[in-house]
Amino acid sequence: MTSKLKAPAKFSDVFPVALFVLCWGWLIWLTYYTSGHILDADASNVLVLSNFLSQQNAIVSTGWRYYTEIHVFNMPLVYSFFFHIFKSWQLVRFFGTVTLQAILVLSYWWFCRQAKISRNAFFYSATVLLLPVSVTYARIVLLHGHYAFHISLAFLIIGLILKLATNRPKKNMMNGLLMAVFALLCVVTGMNGMRMLYISLAPAFFITAYLYFRSAGFHKIAISEQKTFKEGFKGLVHSVRETAEGRAFLFTILGSGFNAFGIATNIFVLRKFFGFSTYYSLQTISPSADALSEQINDLMNLFGYRNGAKVFSLEGICSLLAVLGILLAIGFSLWYFFKKSGNEPYSKRFVATIFFGALVIESLVFLITGNYFIHYYTPVYVLIVLLIAVLLDEFPKRSIRMPRICATVMLFAFVLSGAVTTNFLVNKPEGYATRYEGLSYSNINQVDQIKPAARYLADHGYTYGYAYYWDSSIVTELTDGKVEICAIVEPPNITYSFANTKKAFWDINYHQGKTFLLLEKDDTSWQEYPILEGGTQIYADDYYKIIEYPAPIPFERSPFSE
């Protein structure tokens, strides 16, 4: 009896999987080695909050003063889970961060299934998703996870739009369940704030509207002669129901409405019970050439461009490839955006143009509000993986065509840039043009400098004290929660920090007995405040000094805390 031999796996099928596994292994190693060694207060505050929520067995608390978002459905859910397993904050950070990476990959995989992206194109493009192509992307998404949850939810929401749009309308339980999940996700993400609206639903609305109004179904209605308005409206409704372009446009409108409901809940309901700042008081400004220039430079940096690099150095080559990469990305997005519809499925046209839509919408928002930092562009950069996937799928496997070549060049550029970024984060070489970017805080050596002072506090029984914001929660993380630090600010009257802090710290009776003030060694600003008189310096090293007080210090509340 003969049996059929299984055909050997083709190299073209094995290589993308191997590349993906290799690059994710590389990222996991970088996460273990680096995520806890390049801390800042924003990163450590996530763990402090997560530990606080795990103790309360809650997903949100009135006992915390949030900053610009209330984390109803965000990464503290992941870190809080691991606080129930590990006592070591380093292990919580490592496993929590790798879990966020896994959620990011799984949500992207699910999106690719709905977009009809091929297996190989998924693995190639998912590799780009996991590459530390720039310091900003590595810090904000991969190593500290600030945007990982947002981006994962964006993939799920846009993927649901595609799934609902490309399915024929059916009244069955599965379609009803999908619609319910879609509505729930849009509402819940709106309860987090406005971010999901402008990183996913607004670009999706722009693209789906554009594709619908260019579609054959709408064109047929537009040029037909209808005797009555009612007949014309019926024809329009029919085109929306019976075409993928129309259904996608409809579900984007519905999703935006559900998201707006969540945002309204955030403003008018949650704001009454939970303390957090909002962006709803933003005002428009006049766009300027300088602001546009800054955004272009930051977008290039996010793609791996290194300002000041020598052209014939490794950093210089990465910078040139980054320029090429962003030009190819914008060029192909424009080409897909303006080209006439062919026989390609709707999902591919949508995926190929969403990067352009997000770039336009977010750049416009940044220009007219002035509310902008380089890391706000990371949700735009992430969409480059969709364009790469479409370029790889554009032609048959064995065709040597321009889209496939360009996608390969971009992939190579990102791998090389990821290697340079890794070297910078691990070895911290002197003379590099690469900068520690992504947040306003830019001291890559913060952990090494503050660790001796943190160890001194833990070893000598200090459990509560004060420090300026960027030095505060790092000490708590480095001491596995043994030393709590109340952050203070000086704007110009020294007060309790209003951002990312436990409200109990504002109560003078929260702690009894000796306290301390942690300051940078050369900082003399504290001497300007009478409230800080009477302390005794008990520790000093090359970077920090510690001043002891016999009792807690009665700072005033910041006016911004209300």
Protein backbone atom coordinates (compact mmCIF):
# COMPACT_ATOMS: atom_id res chain seq x y z
CA MET A 1 0.00 0.00 0.00
CA THR A 2 1.59 3.28 -1.07
CA SER A 3 1.26 6.55 0.72
CA LYS A 4 1.62 9.97 -0.75
CA LEU A 5 4.75 11.80 0.30
CA LYS A 6 4.21 15.26 1.70
CA ALA A 7 5.78 17.87 -0.55
CA PRO A 8 8.73 19.63 1.07
CA ALA A 9 8.04 23.14 2.30
CA LYS A 10 9.05 25.85 -0.13
CA PHE A 11 11.70 28.35 0.91
CA SER A 12 9.36 31.19 -0.05
CA ASP A 13 6.86 29.90 2.51
CA VAL A 14 9.34 29.10 5.28
CA PHE A 15 11.48 32.24 5.11
CA PRO A 16 8.82 34.83 6.14
CA VAL A 17 7.83 32.71 9.14
CA ALA A 18 11.47 32.25 10.15
CA LEU A 19 12.12 35.98 9.75
CA PHE A 20 9.10 36.83 11.88
CA VAL A 21 10.09 34.39 14.65
CA LEU A 22 13.69 35.61 14.58
CA CYS A 23 12.69 39.28 14.81
CA TRP A 24 10.18 38.70 17.58
CA GLY A 25 12.83 36.74 19.48
CA TRP A 26 15.15 39.67 18.97
CA LEU A 27 12.48 42.03 20.35
CA ILE A 28 11.79 39.79 23.36
CA TRP A 29 15.51 39.77 24.16
CA LEU A 30 15.60 43.57 23.78
CA THR A 31 12.54 43.84 26.02
CA TYR A 32 14.15 41.76 28.75
CA TYR A 33 17.43 43.61 28.50
CA THR A 34 16.14 47.15 28.02
CA SER A 35 12.52 47.81 29.05
CA GLY A 36 13.43 48.10 32.74
CA HIS A 37 16.68 49.98 32.07
CA ILE A 38 15.37 52.97 30.09
CA LEU A 39 12.62 54.00 32.46
CA ASP A 40 10.97 57.37 32.84
CA ALA A 41 8.16 58.48 35.14
CA ASP A 42 5.48 57.99 32.48
CA ALA A 43 6.54 54.36 31.99
CA SER A 44 6.88 53.59 35.70
CA ASN A 45 3.57 55.29 36.53
CA VAL A 46 1.81 52.63 34.47
CA LEU A 47 3.17 49.94 36.80
CA VAL A 48 2.43 51.98 39.92
CA LEU A 49 -1.18 52.40 38.75
CA SER A 50 -1.45 48.74 37.76
CA ASN A 51 -0.18 47.63 41.18
CA PHE A 52 -2.66 49.97 42.85
CA LEU A 53 -5.54 48.57 40.76
CA SER A 54 -4.48 44.96 41.38
CA GLN A 55 -4.63 45.60 45.13
CA GLN A 56 -8.16 46.94 44.72
CA ASN A 57 -9.18 44.26 42.19
CA ALA A 58 -10.46 47.06 39.97
CA ILE A 59 -9.98 48.23 36.39
CA VAL A 60 -10.39 51.91 37.28
CA SER A 61 -10.38 53.77 40.61
CA THR A 62 -11.54 57.05 42.07
CA GLY A 63 -8.43 56.90 44.27
CA TRP A 64 -6.12 57.73 41.37
CA ARG A 65 -5.65 61.07 39.68
CA TYR A 66 -5.21 60.21 36.00
CA TYR A 67 -3.43 62.51 33.59
CA THR A 68 -4.90 62.98 30.11
CA GLU A 69 -6.77 59.69 29.89
CA ILE A 70 -8.79 57.52 32.20
CA HIS A 71 -7.55 53.97 31.62
CA VAL A 72 -10.92 52.23 31.44
CA PHE A 73 -9.74 49.70 28.87
CA ASN A 74 -6.00 49.91 28.50
CA MET A 75 -2.66 48.32 29.33
CA PRO A 76 -3.08 48.39 33.16
CA LEU A 77 -5.46 45.47 32.59
CA VAL A 78 -2.48 43.41 31.46
CA TYR A 79 0.04 44.55 34.07
CA SER A 80 -2.51 44.23 36.90
CA PHE A 81 -3.01 40.58 35.99
CA PHE A 82 0.70 39.84 36.34
CA PHE A 83 0.85 41.61 39.71
CA HIS A 84 -1.36 38.78 40.96
CA ILE A 85 1.36 36.32 39.88
CA PHE A 86 4.72 38.01 40.50
CA LYS A 87 6.12 40.11 43.32
CA SER A 88 9.03 41.25 41.18
CA TRP A 89 8.12 44.40 39.28
CA GLN A 90 10.80 43.59 36.73
CA LEU A 91 9.04 40.33 35.87
CA VAL A 92 5.68 42.10 35.75
CA ARG A 93 7.08 44.61 33.29
CA PHE A 94 8.72 41.96 31.12
CA PHE A 95 5.79 39.55 30.89
CA GLY A 96 3.27 42.37 30.65
CA THR A 97 5.17 44.01 27.80
CA VAL A 98 5.59 40.74 25.87
CA THR A 99 1.86 40.11 26.34
CA LEU A 100 1.09 43.54 24.88
CA GLN A 101 3.30 42.65 21.91
CA ALA A 102 1.37 39.38 21.49
CA ILE A 103 -1.96 41.24 21.63
CA LEU A 104 -0.64 43.62 18.97
CA VAL A 105 0.37 40.74 16.68
CA LEU A 106 -2.88 38.81 17.21
CA SER A 107 -5.04 41.85 16.52
CA TYR A 108 -3.04 42.52 13.35
CA TRP A 109 -3.37 38.87 12.33
CA TRP A 110 -7.14 39.07 12.76
CA PHE A 111 -7.22 42.26 10.73
CA CYS A 112 -5.23 40.62 7.92
CA ARG A 113 -7.74 37.77 7.83
CA GLN A 114 -10.56 40.26 7.21
CA ALA A 115 -8.49 42.17 4.64
CA LYS A 116 -7.68 38.96 2.71
CA ILE A 117 -3.95 39.48 3.22
CA SER A 118 -1.95 36.37 2.31
CA ARG A 119 -0.09 34.29 4.86
CA ASN A 120 3.37 35.31 3.64
CA ALA A 121 2.45 39.00 3.40
CA PHE A 122 1.19 38.85 6.99
CA PHE A 123 4.45 37.43 8.33
CA TYR A 124 6.60 39.90 6.39
CA SER A 125 4.52 42.91 7.45
CA ALA A 126 4.11 41.69 11.05
CA THR A 127 7.90 41.54 11.20
CA VAL A 128 7.97 45.28 10.47
CA LEU A 129 5.40 45.77 13.23
CA LEU A 130 7.87 44.29 15.75
CA LEU A 131 11.03 46.04 14.61
CA PRO A 132 12.44 48.88 16.78
CA VAL A 133 12.89 50.99 13.67
CA SER A 134 13.31 54.17 15.73
CA VAL A 135 13.83 55.03 19.38
CA THR A 136 10.41 56.69 19.47
CA TYR A 137 8.59 53.63 18.15
CA ALA A 138 10.59 51.32 20.41
CA ARG A 139 9.81 53.36 23.53
CA ILE A 140 6.19 54.23 22.90
CA VAL A 141 4.90 50.99 21.36
CA LEU A 142 7.25 48.03 21.76
CA LEU A 143 9.15 48.42 25.05
CA HIS A 144 6.85 50.47 27.26
CA GLY A 145 3.57 49.75 25.49
CA HIS A 146 2.01 53.21 25.79
CA TYR A 147 0.27 52.91 22.41
CA ALA A 148 0.28 49.13 21.94
CA PHE A 149 -3.24 48.69 23.33
CA HIS A 150 -4.60 51.65 21.34
CA ILE A 151 -3.17 50.30 18.10
CA SER A 152 -4.45 46.78 18.82
CA LEU A 153 -7.97 48.12 19.37
CA ALA A 154 -7.68 50.17 16.17
CA PHE A 155 -6.84 47.00 14.21
CA LEU A 156 -9.88 45.26 15.72
CA ILE A 157 -12.26 48.13 14.96
CA ILE A 158 -11.11 48.64 11.37
CA GLY A 159 -11.04 44.88 10.84
CA LEU A 160 -14.65 44.65 12.01
CA ILE A 161 -15.61 47.40 9.55
CA LEU A 162 -14.05 45.36 6.74
CA LYS A 163 -15.66 42.11 7.87
CA LEU A 164 -19.11 43.66 8.16
CA ALA A 165 -18.69 45.48 4.84
CA THR A 166 -17.47 42.54 2.79
CA ASN A 167 -20.07 40.11 4.17
CA ARG A 168 -23.38 40.05 2.37
CA PRO A 169 -26.10 41.48 4.64
CA LYS A 170 -27.63 38.58 6.52
CA LYS A 171 -29.96 38.47 9.46
CA ASN A 172 -28.25 35.80 11.52
CA MET A 173 -26.82 35.45 14.99
CA MET A 174 -23.16 35.77 13.90
CA ASN A 175 -23.71 39.07 12.08
CA GLY A 176 -25.70 40.39 15.03
CA LEU A 177 -22.91 39.38 17.41
CA LEU A 178 -20.27 41.06 15.24
CA MET A 179 -22.31 44.27 15.15
CA ALA A 180 -22.74 44.17 18.91
CA VAL A 181 -18.99 43.68 19.46
CA PHE A 182 -18.24 46.49 17.01
CA ALA A 183 -20.62 48.87 18.81
CA LEU A 184 -19.25 47.90 22.22
CA LEU A 185 -15.62 48.43 21.16
CA CYS A 186 -16.43 51.83 19.69
CA VAL A 187 -18.24 52.93 22.87
CA VAL A 188 -15.58 51.59 25.26
CA THR A 189 -12.69 53.14 23.34
CA GLY A 190 -14.59 56.42 23.31
CA MET A 191 -14.81 56.21 27.10
CA ASN A 192 -10.99 56.28 27.11
CA GLY A 193 -11.01 59.65 25.35
CA MET A 194 -10.75 61.02 21.81
CA ARG A 195 -7.66 59.10 20.73
CA MET A 196 -9.43 56.21 18.97
CA LEU A 197 -11.58 58.63 17.00
CA TYR A 198 -8.68 60.31 15.28
CA ILE A 199 -6.29 57.35 14.96
CA SER A 200 -8.78 54.91 13.41
CA LEU A 201 -12.38 56.00 12.86
CA ALA A 202 -11.68 59.45 11.40
CA PRO A 203 -9.15 58.12 8.83
CA ALA A 204 -11.52 55.21 8.09
CA PHE A 205 -14.39 57.64 7.54
CA PHE A 206 -12.27 59.69 5.16
CA ILE A 207 -11.22 56.65 3.13
CA THR A 208 -14.60 54.86 3.09
CA ALA A 209 -16.38 58.07 2.06
CA TYR A 210 -13.87 58.64 -0.73
CA LEU A 211 -14.11 55.06 -2.02
CA TYR A 212 -17.91 55.07 -1.83
CA PHE A 213 -18.34 58.33 -3.74
CA ARG A 214 -15.98 56.99 -6.42
CA SER A 215 -17.72 53.62 -6.63
CA ALA A 216 -19.75 52.40 -9.57
CA GLY A 217 -22.79 51.94 -7.34
CA PHE A 218 -22.85 55.59 -6.30
CA HIS A 219 -21.97 56.80 -9.80
CA LYS A 220 -24.96 54.92 -11.18
CA ILE A 221 -27.28 56.66 -8.71
CA ALA A 222 -25.67 60.06 -9.30
CA ILE A 223 -26.18 60.05 -13.08
CA SER A 224 -29.61 58.38 -13.12
CA GLU A 225 -32.70 60.46 -13.70
CA GLN A 226 -35.10 59.93 -10.81
CA LYS A 227 -38.64 61.19 -11.00
CA THR A 228 -39.00 61.85 -7.26
CA PHE A 229 -36.74 62.40 -4.27
CA LYS A 230 -38.16 59.25 -2.72
CA GLU A 231 -37.00 57.14 -5.67
CA GLY A 232 -33.54 58.69 -5.53
CA PHE A 233 -33.30 58.06 -1.80
CA LYS A 234 -34.36 54.44 -2.25
CA GLY A 235 -31.67 54.00 -4.89
CA LEU A 236 -29.09 55.51 -2.56
CA VAL A 237 -30.12 53.21 0.30
CA HIS A 238 -29.96 50.24 -2.05
CA SER A 239 -26.43 51.13 -3.17
CA VAL A 240 -25.33 51.44 0.45
CA ARG A 241 -26.82 48.09 1.42
CA GLU A 242 -25.75 46.12 -1.64
CA THR A 243 -22.16 47.29 -2.17
CA ALA A 244 -19.07 46.78 -0.02
CA GLU A 245 -18.18 50.46 -0.50
CA GLY A 246 -21.56 51.55 0.80
CA ARG A 247 -21.61 49.17 3.75
CA ALA A 248 -18.09 50.19 4.83
CA PHE A 249 -19.09 53.85 4.69
CA LEU A 250 -22.24 53.13 6.69
CA PHE A 251 -20.46 51.15 9.41
CA THR A 252 -17.80 53.83 9.71
CA ILE A 253 -20.51 56.41 10.30
CA LEU A 254 -22.19 54.15 12.86
CA GLY A 255 -18.85 53.41 14.55
CA SER A 256 -18.07 57.13 14.79
CA GLY A 257 -21.48 57.69 16.34
CA PHE A 258 -20.95 54.96 18.94
CA ASN A 259 -17.49 56.32 19.65
CA ALA A 260 -18.91 59.83 20.07
CA PHE A 261 -21.37 58.38 22.60
CA GLY A 262 -18.41 56.94 24.52
CA ILE A 263 -16.61 60.29 24.38
CA ALA A 264 -19.74 62.03 25.70
CA THR A 265 -19.84 59.49 28.54
CA ASN A 266 -16.20 60.33 29.24
CA ILE A 267 -16.93 64.06 29.42
CA PHE A 268 -20.27 64.21 31.18
CA VAL A 269 -20.31 61.07 33.34
CA LEU A 270 -16.86 59.67 34.09
CA ARG A 271 -15.41 63.14 34.61
CA LYS A 272 -17.74 63.59 37.59
CA PHE A 273 -16.42 60.52 39.39
CA PHE A 274 -12.79 60.16 38.27
CA GLY A 275 -10.06 62.76 38.19
CA PHE A 276 -8.35 63.31 34.84
CA SER A 277 -7.43 66.07 32.43
CA THR A 278 -9.02 66.29 29.01
CA TYR A 279 -8.20 67.72 25.60
CA TYR A 280 -11.69 69.06 25.08
CA SER A 281 -10.65 72.65 25.80
CA LEU A 282 -8.20 72.72 22.89
CA GLN A 283 -8.45 75.70 20.60
CA THR A 284 -7.60 76.04 16.93
CA ILE A 285 -4.50 77.91 15.85
CA SER A 286 -3.20 79.22 12.57
CA PRO A 287 -1.13 76.51 10.83
CA SER A 288 2.46 77.58 10.25
CA ALA A 289 5.27 76.49 7.96
CA ASP A 290 7.48 75.86 11.01
CA ALA A 291 4.92 73.47 12.51
CA LEU A 292 4.62 71.61 9.23
CA SER A 293 8.41 71.37 8.96
CA GLU A 294 8.60 69.96 12.50
CA GLN A 295 5.99 67.32 11.68
CA ILE A 296 7.82 66.28 8.51
CA ASN A 297 11.12 65.97 10.39
CA ASP A 298 9.49 63.97 13.19
CA LEU A 299 7.77 61.63 10.73
CA MET A 300 11.16 61.00 9.10
CA ASN A 301 12.71 60.32 12.52
CA LEU A 302 9.93 57.86 13.29
CA PHE A 303 10.85 55.98 10.11
CA GLY A 304 14.48 55.75 11.23
CA TYR A 305 16.00 59.01 9.99
CA ARG A 306 18.85 60.22 12.21
CA ASN A 307 19.49 63.94 12.04
CA GLY A 308 23.19 64.77 12.04
CA ALA A 309 24.39 61.31 11.00
CA LYS A 310 27.42 61.07 8.73
CA VAL A 311 26.22 60.02 5.28
CA PHE A 312 28.80 57.24 4.89
CA SER A 313 28.16 55.71 8.32
CA LEU A 314 25.70 53.00 9.29
CA GLU A 315 23.42 55.65 10.80
CA GLY A 316 23.72 57.67 7.61
CA ILE A 317 22.75 54.69 5.44
CA CYS A 318 19.75 54.09 7.72
CA SER A 319 18.78 57.73 7.34
CA LEU A 320 18.92 57.58 3.55
CA LEU A 321 16.90 54.37 3.53
CA ALA A 322 14.38 55.99 5.90
CA VAL A 323 13.89 58.86 3.45
CA LEU A 324 13.45 56.34 0.64
CA GLY A 325 11.02 54.33 2.75
CA ILE A 326 8.77 57.25 3.58
CA LEU A 327 8.80 58.47 -0.03
CA LEU A 328 7.80 55.01 -1.24
CA ALA A 329 5.08 54.76 1.40
CA ILE A 330 3.56 58.13 0.55
CA GLY A 331 4.03 57.59 -3.19
CA PHE A 332 2.30 54.20 -3.30
CA SER A 333 -0.46 55.43 -0.98
CA LEU A 334 -1.14 58.31 -3.36
CA TRP A 335 -1.04 55.95 -6.33
CA TYR A 336 -3.58 53.61 -4.76
CA PHE A 337 -5.67 56.57 -3.62
CA PHE A 338 -6.03 58.16 -7.05
CA LYS A 339 -5.92 55.14 -9.34
CA LYS A 340 -9.14 53.94 -10.90
CA SER A 341 -10.86 51.00 -9.29
CA GLY A 342 -9.98 47.71 -10.93
CA ASN A 343 -10.94 44.15 -10.20
CA GLU A 344 -9.15 44.04 -6.85
CA PRO A 345 -11.35 43.38 -3.81
CA TYR A 346 -12.61 46.31 -1.78
CA SER A 347 -10.59 45.26 1.28
CA LYS A 348 -7.31 45.61 -0.64
CA ARG A 349 -8.19 49.10 -1.89
CA PHE A 350 -9.14 50.15 1.63
CA VAL A 351 -5.98 48.72 3.22
CA ALA A 352 -3.73 50.29 0.60
CA THR A 353 -5.11 53.80 1.19
CA ILE A 354 -5.72 53.90 4.95
CA PHE A 355 -2.10 54.97 5.63
CA PHE A 356 -2.61 58.03 3.43
CA GLY A 357 -5.94 58.77 5.12
CA ALA A 358 -4.43 58.58 8.61
CA LEU A 359 -1.47 60.73 7.57
CA VAL A 360 -3.76 63.45 6.21
CA ILE A 361 -6.23 63.44 9.10
CA GLU A 362 -3.68 63.36 11.92
CA SER A 363 -1.36 65.92 10.32
CA LEU A 364 -4.32 68.27 9.88
CA VAL A 365 -5.36 67.81 13.53
CA PHE A 366 -1.81 68.51 14.71
CA LEU A 367 -1.50 71.61 12.51
CA ILE A 368 -4.74 73.28 13.55
CA THR A 369 -4.55 72.50 17.29
CA GLY A 370 -0.84 72.66 18.04
CA ASN A 371 -1.35 69.68 20.37
CA TYR A 372 1.49 67.60 19.04
CA PHE A 373 4.46 65.44 20.04
CA ILE A 374 6.53 63.12 17.88
CA HIS A 375 5.04 59.97 19.45
CA TYR A 376 1.53 61.04 18.38
CA TYR A 377 2.53 59.89 14.88
CA THR A 378 3.18 56.27 15.92
CA PRO A 379 -0.38 55.11 15.01
CA VAL A 380 0.26 56.52 11.52
CA TYR A 381 3.62 54.78 11.19
CA VAL A 382 2.07 51.44 12.19
CA LEU A 383 -0.24 51.56 9.17
CA ILE A 384 2.81 51.27 6.92
CA VAL A 385 2.69 47.53 7.60
CA LEU A 386 -0.68 47.38 5.80
CA LEU A 387 0.76 49.05 2.73
CA ILE A 388 3.72 46.66 2.72
CA ALA A 389 1.33 43.70 2.94
CA VAL A 390 -0.68 44.94 -0.05
CA LEU A 391 2.47 45.60 -2.09
CA LEU A 392 3.66 42.05 -1.45
CA ASP A 393 0.28 40.66 -2.50
CA GLU A 394 -0.07 42.87 -5.55
CA PHE A 395 1.50 40.42 -7.98
CA PRO A 396 2.03 36.65 -8.10
CA LYS A 397 4.88 35.24 -6.02
CA ARG A 398 7.33 34.78 -8.85
CA SER A 399 6.77 38.11 -10.55
CA ILE A 400 9.63 40.56 -10.19
CA ARG A 401 7.63 43.76 -10.25
CA MET A 402 8.14 47.21 -8.79
CA PRO A 403 5.67 46.95 -5.86
CA ARG A 404 7.32 43.76 -4.60
CA ILE A 405 10.81 45.23 -5.01
CA CYS A 406 9.81 48.41 -3.15
CA ALA A 407 8.26 46.42 -0.31
CA THR A 408 11.48 44.41 -0.03
CA VAL A 409 13.58 47.59 0.06
CA MET A 410 11.37 49.00 2.83
CA LEU A 411 11.60 45.76 4.82
CA PHE A 412 15.40 45.75 4.51
CA ALA A 413 15.55 49.42 5.58
CA PHE A 414 13.50 48.74 8.70
CA VAL A 415 15.53 45.67 9.69
CA LEU A 416 18.78 47.60 9.38
CA SER A 417 17.38 50.58 11.26
CA GLY A 418 16.09 48.24 13.98
CA ALA A 419 19.60 46.86 14.43
CA VAL A 420 21.05 50.36 14.80
CA THR A 421 18.35 51.34 17.31
CA THR A 422 19.00 48.15 19.30
CA ASN A 423 22.71 48.94 19.49
CA PHE A 424 21.89 52.45 20.70
CA LEU A 425 19.49 51.27 23.43
CA VAL A 426 21.72 48.44 24.67
CA ASN A 427 25.24 49.84 24.38
CA LYS A 428 24.44 53.58 24.59
CA PRO A 429 27.44 54.42 22.38
CA GLU A 430 28.96 57.87 22.54
CA GLY A 431 29.04 59.90 19.37
CA TYR A 432 25.83 58.44 17.93
CA ALA A 433 23.57 60.83 16.06
CA THR A 434 20.59 58.79 17.28
CA ARG A 435 18.70 60.54 20.06
CA TYR A 436 16.59 59.27 22.94
CA GLU A 437 13.25 60.54 21.61
CA GLY A 438 9.59 59.75 22.12
CA LEU A 439 8.72 61.71 25.24
CA SER A 440 9.80 65.09 26.57
CA TYR A 441 12.12 63.24 28.96
CA SER A 442 15.39 62.37 27.22
CA ASN A 443 17.83 60.93 29.79
CA ILE A 444 18.60 57.39 28.63
CA ASN A 445 20.86 56.82 31.66
CA GLN A 446 18.19 57.66 34.25
CA VAL A 447 17.95 54.16 35.75
CA ASP A 448 21.71 53.72 36.17
CA GLN A 449 21.99 57.13 37.81
CA ILE A 450 19.06 56.84 40.23
CA LYS A 451 19.42 53.16 41.20
CA PRO A 452 22.02 53.72 44.01
CA ALA A 453 19.77 56.32 45.67
CA ALA A 454 16.75 54.01 45.35
CA ARG A 455 18.73 51.15 46.90
CA TYR A 456 19.81 53.40 49.79
CA LEU A 457 16.21 54.34 50.54
CA ALA A 458 15.03 50.73 50.51
CA ASP A 459 17.96 49.50 52.63
CA HIS A 460 17.47 52.18 55.29
CA GLY A 461 13.76 51.70 55.82
CA TYR A 462 12.39 54.75 54.03
CA THR A 463 8.92 54.01 52.68
CA TYR A 464 7.57 57.42 51.70
CA GLY A 465 8.99 60.65 50.34
CA TYR A 466 8.94 63.29 47.63
CA ALA A 467 10.68 63.99 44.32
CA TYR A 468 10.09 65.98 41.18
CA TYR A 469 7.88 64.20 38.66
CA TRP A 470 10.43 62.57 36.31
CA ASP A 471 12.36 61.04 39.23
CA SER A 472 9.36 59.91 41.26
CA SER A 473 7.77 56.61 40.27
CA ILE A 474 11.03 55.16 38.91
CA VAL A 475 12.19 54.70 42.52
CA THR A 476 8.96 52.87 43.35
CA GLU A 477 9.48 50.47 40.43
CA LEU A 478 13.17 49.87 41.19
CA THR A 479 12.34 48.99 44.82
CA ASP A 480 9.43 46.66 43.92
CA GLY A 481 6.96 49.08 45.49
CA LYS A 482 8.73 49.33 48.86
CA VAL A 483 9.38 53.07 48.52
CA GLU A 484 6.44 55.26 47.54
CA ILE A 485 7.20 58.65 46.09
CA CYS A 486 4.77 61.54 45.96
CA ALA A 487 5.60 63.63 42.90
CA ILE A 488 5.78 67.39 43.32
CA VAL A 489 5.98 70.18 40.76
CA GLU A 490 7.08 73.81 40.90
CA PRO A 491 4.92 76.04 38.64
CA PRO A 492 6.27 78.38 40.40
CA ASN A 493 4.69 77.57 43.79
CA ILE A 494 5.72 74.06 44.78
CA THR A 495 2.68 71.76 44.92
CA TYR A 496 1.65 68.12 44.78
CA SER A 497 1.73 66.81 41.22
CA PHE A 498 -1.69 66.57 39.60
CA ALA A 499 -0.62 63.99 37.03
CA ASN A 500 -0.60 60.20 37.47
CA THR A 501 -0.68 59.99 41.21
CA LYS A 502 -2.52 58.30 44.06
CA LYS A 503 -4.90 60.85 45.57
CA ALA A 504 -4.14 59.57 49.07
CA PHE A 505 -0.70 61.17 48.78
CA TRP A 506 -2.38 64.58 49.06
CA ASP A 507 -3.57 63.74 52.58
CA ILE A 508 -1.01 64.90 55.14
CA ASN A 509 -2.06 61.98 57.37
CA TYR A 510 -1.32 59.34 54.75
CA HIS A 511 2.14 58.70 56.22
CA GLN A 512 3.52 59.12 59.74
CA GLY A 513 7.16 59.52 60.71
CA LYS A 514 10.27 60.37 58.75
CA THR A 515 10.09 61.25 55.07
CA PHE A 516 12.62 62.33 52.48
CA LEU A 517 13.11 64.58 49.48
CA LEU A 518 15.04 63.15 46.50
CA LEU A 519 16.72 65.73 44.29
CA GLU A 520 19.37 65.90 41.61
CA LYS A 521 22.76 66.64 43.15
CA ASP A 522 23.16 70.16 41.76
CA ASP A 523 19.52 71.18 42.27
CA THR A 524 19.30 74.21 44.56
CA SER A 525 15.75 75.27 43.65
CA TRP A 526 14.36 73.65 46.82
CA GLN A 527 16.13 76.28 48.91
CA GLU A 528 13.75 78.90 47.53
CA TYR A 529 10.78 77.34 49.35
CA PRO A 530 10.39 77.96 53.11
CA ILE A 531 8.27 74.83 53.38
CA LEU A 532 11.39 72.73 52.70
CA GLU A 533 13.46 74.22 55.49
CA GLY A 534 14.56 72.03 58.41
CA GLY A 535 15.75 69.01 56.44
CA THR A 536 19.02 67.12 56.90
CA GLN A 537 21.04 65.79 53.99
CA ILE A 538 21.64 62.08 54.56
CA TYR A 539 22.88 60.89 51.17
CA ALA A 540 24.71 62.16 48.10
CA ASP A 541 26.37 60.61 45.08
CA ASP A 542 27.44 61.87 41.67
CA TYR A 543 23.84 62.36 40.56
CA TYR A 544 21.39 62.58 43.48
CA LYS A 545 21.07 63.73 47.07
CA ILE A 546 18.50 62.82 49.70
CA ILE A 547 17.23 65.17 52.41
CA GLU A 548 15.42 63.73 55.45
CA TYR A 549 12.49 65.36 57.27
CA PRO A 550 11.03 64.24 60.61
CA ALA A 551 7.44 64.32 59.29
CA PRO A 552 5.46 64.65 56.04
CA ILE A 553 5.60 68.02 54.29
CA PRO A 554 2.25 69.86 53.90
CA PHE A 555 2.45 70.88 50.24
CA GLU A 556 -0.51 72.63 48.61
CA ARG A 557 -2.78 71.03 46.03
CA SER A 558 -2.15 72.00 42.41
CA PRO A 559 -4.99 74.05 40.89
CA PHE A 560 -4.85 71.67 37.91
CA SER A 561 -5.81 68.70 40.09
CA GLU A 562 -9.47 69.68 40.13
